C-alpha atoms as a PDB file:
ATOM      1  CA  MET A   1      17.408   5.071   2.907  1.00  0.00           C
ATOM      2  CA  ALA A   2      15.050   2.732   1.033  1.00  0.00           C
ATOM      3  CA  MET A   3      12.151   0.758   2.443  1.00  0.00           C
ATOM      4  CA  SER A   4      11.787  -2.994   2.032  1.00  0.00           C
ATOM      5  CA  ALA A   5       8.670  -4.659   0.671  1.00  0.00           C
ATOM      6  CA  SER A   6       8.084  -6.255   4.075  1.00  0.00           C
ATOM      7  CA  GLU A   7       8.222  -2.832   5.790  1.00  0.00           C
ATOM      8  CA  ILE A   8       5.625  -1.447   3.381  1.00  0.00           C
ATOM      9  CA  GLU A   9       3.410  -4.498   3.845  1.00  0.00           C
ATOM     10  CA  GLY A  10       3.742  -4.272   7.624  1.00  0.00           C
ATOM     11  CA  MET A  11       2.743  -0.605   7.723  1.00  0.00           C
ATOM     12  CA  ILE A  12      -0.307  -1.221   5.533  1.00  0.00           C
ATOM     13  CA  LYS A  13      -1.392  -4.260   7.572  1.00  0.00           C
ATOM     14  CA  ALA A  14      -0.920  -2.344  10.837  1.00  0.00           C
ATOM     15  CA  SER A  15      -3.434   0.232   9.635  1.00  0.00           C
ATOM     16  CA  LEU A  16      -5.682  -2.162   7.675  1.00  0.00           C
ATOM     17  CA  PRO A  17      -5.383  -5.466   9.587  1.00  0.00           C
ATOM     18  CA  GLN A  18      -7.802  -7.423   7.379  1.00  0.00           C
ATOM     19  CA  ALA A  19      -6.060  -6.376   4.169  1.00  0.00           C
ATOM     20  CA  GLU A  20      -4.477  -8.755   1.712  1.00  0.00           C
ATOM     21  CA  VAL A  21      -1.289  -7.014   0.585  1.00  0.00           C
ATOM     22  CA  GLU A  22       0.991  -7.914  -2.309  1.00  0.00           C
ATOM     23  CA  ILE A  23       4.132  -5.821  -2.823  1.00  0.00           C
ATOM     24  CA  ARG A  24       6.481  -6.035  -5.818  1.00  0.00           C
ATOM     25  CA  ASP A  25       9.801  -4.219  -6.217  1.00  0.00           C
ATOM     26  CA  LEU A  26       9.501  -2.848  -9.755  1.00  0.00           C
ATOM     27  CA  ALA A  27      13.080  -1.713 -10.337  1.00  0.00           C
ATOM     28  CA  GLY A  28      15.051  -3.810  -7.837  1.00  0.00           C
ATOM     29  CA  ASP A  29      16.250  -0.615  -6.175  1.00  0.00           C
ATOM     30  CA  GLY A  30      14.045  -0.530  -3.058  1.00  0.00           C
ATOM     31  CA  ASP A  31      12.531   2.763  -4.221  1.00  0.00           C
ATOM     32  CA  HIS A  32       9.897   1.806  -6.811  1.00  0.00           C
ATOM     33  CA  TYR A  33       7.180  -0.588  -5.730  1.00  0.00           C
ATOM     34  CA  ALA A  34       3.804  -1.820  -6.875  1.00  0.00           C
ATOM     35  CA  ALA A  35       1.237  -2.594  -4.188  1.00  0.00           C
ATOM     36  CA  HIS A  36      -2.042  -4.456  -4.605  1.00  0.00           C
ATOM     37  CA  VAL A  37      -4.220  -4.046  -1.504  1.00  0.00           C
ATOM     38  CA  VAL A  38      -7.592  -5.743  -1.027  1.00  0.00           C
ATOM     39  CA  SER A  39      -9.505  -4.848   2.132  1.00  0.00           C
ATOM     40  CA  PRO A  40     -13.084  -4.992   3.398  1.00  0.00           C
ATOM     41  CA  ALA A  41     -12.384  -1.522   4.856  1.00  0.00           C
ATOM     42  CA  PHE A  42     -12.556  -0.182   1.283  1.00  0.00           C
ATOM     43  CA  ALA A  43     -16.223  -1.137   0.838  1.00  0.00           C
ATOM     44  CA  GLY A  44     -18.323   1.849  -0.223  1.00  0.00           C
ATOM     45  CA  LYS A  45     -15.276   4.081  -0.687  1.00  0.00           C
ATOM     46  CA  SER A  46     -14.094   5.681  -3.927  1.00  0.00           C
ATOM     47  CA  ARG A  47     -10.776   4.635  -5.460  1.00  0.00           C
ATOM     48  CA  ILE A  48      -9.295   7.959  -4.298  1.00  0.00           C
ATOM     49  CA  GLN A  49     -10.479   7.341  -0.722  1.00  0.00           C
ATOM     50  CA  GLN A  50      -9.041   3.805  -0.837  1.00  0.00           C
ATOM     51  CA  HIS A  51      -5.668   5.081  -2.041  1.00  0.00           C
ATOM     52  CA  ARG A  52      -5.670   7.809   0.619  1.00  0.00           C
ATOM     53  CA  MET A  53      -6.206   5.131   3.299  1.00  0.00           C
ATOM     54  CA  VAL A  54      -3.136   3.261   2.049  1.00  0.00           C
ATOM     55  CA  TYR A  55      -1.029   6.439   1.840  1.00  0.00           C
ATOM     56  CA  ASP A  56      -2.157   7.360   5.376  1.00  0.00           C
ATOM     57  CA  ALA A  57      -1.044   3.897   6.523  1.00  0.00           C
ATOM     58  CA  LEU A  58       2.421   4.687   5.170  1.00  0.00           C
ATOM     59  CA  GLY A  59       2.670   7.618   7.560  1.00  0.00           C
ATOM     60  CA  GLY A  60       4.135  10.232   5.263  1.00  0.00           C
ATOM     61  CA  LYS A  61       6.823   7.957   3.798  1.00  0.00           C
ATOM     62  CA  MET A  62       5.565   8.587   0.238  1.00  0.00           C
ATOM     63  CA  GLY A  63       7.846  10.921  -1.679  1.00  0.00           C
ATOM     64  CA  GLY A  64      10.507  10.632   0.997  1.00  0.00           C
ATOM     65  CA  THR A  65      11.728   7.216   2.122  1.00  0.00           C
ATOM     66  CA  LEU A  66       9.392   5.603  -0.398  1.00  0.00           C
ATOM     67  CA  HIS A  67       9.975   7.233  -3.758  1.00  0.00           C
ATOM     68  CA  ALA A  68       7.249   5.654  -5.918  1.00  0.00           C
ATOM     69  CA  LEU A  69       4.311   3.343  -5.313  1.00  0.00           C
ATOM     70  CA  GLN A  70       2.109   2.034  -8.105  1.00  0.00           C
ATOM     71  CA  LEU A  71      -1.080   1.331  -6.185  1.00  0.00           C
ATOM     72  CA  THR A  72      -4.129  -0.777  -6.988  1.00  0.00           C
ATOM     73  CA  THR A  73      -6.874  -1.329  -4.422  1.00  0.00           C
ATOM     74  CA  GLY A  74     -10.059  -3.350  -4.217  1.00  0.00           C
ATOM     75  CA  VAL A  75     -12.708  -4.944  -2.054  1.00  0.00           C
ATOM     76  CA  PRO A  76     -12.767  -8.734  -1.502  1.00  0.00           C
ATOM     77  CA  THR A  77     -15.125 -10.432  -3.945  1.00  0.00           C
ATOM     78  CA  SER A  78     -16.317 -13.161  -1.601  1.00  0.00           C
END
């Protein structure tokens, strides 16, 4: 059972409400996505900590319902 891009975006925004989230389906199969997440909550955190926050937002779906996620994170520039 695959996840949709809107489901992934919704889960991330539920956990990180101020985040700007862009999701792309890389393979068209609902299993391989790229996510770009920009959030003020990431300020002062390492890239690993930022990625962990996103994975935590996905509530254990990684590796199960969500097979692969190419993740980039950042802090708003303005």
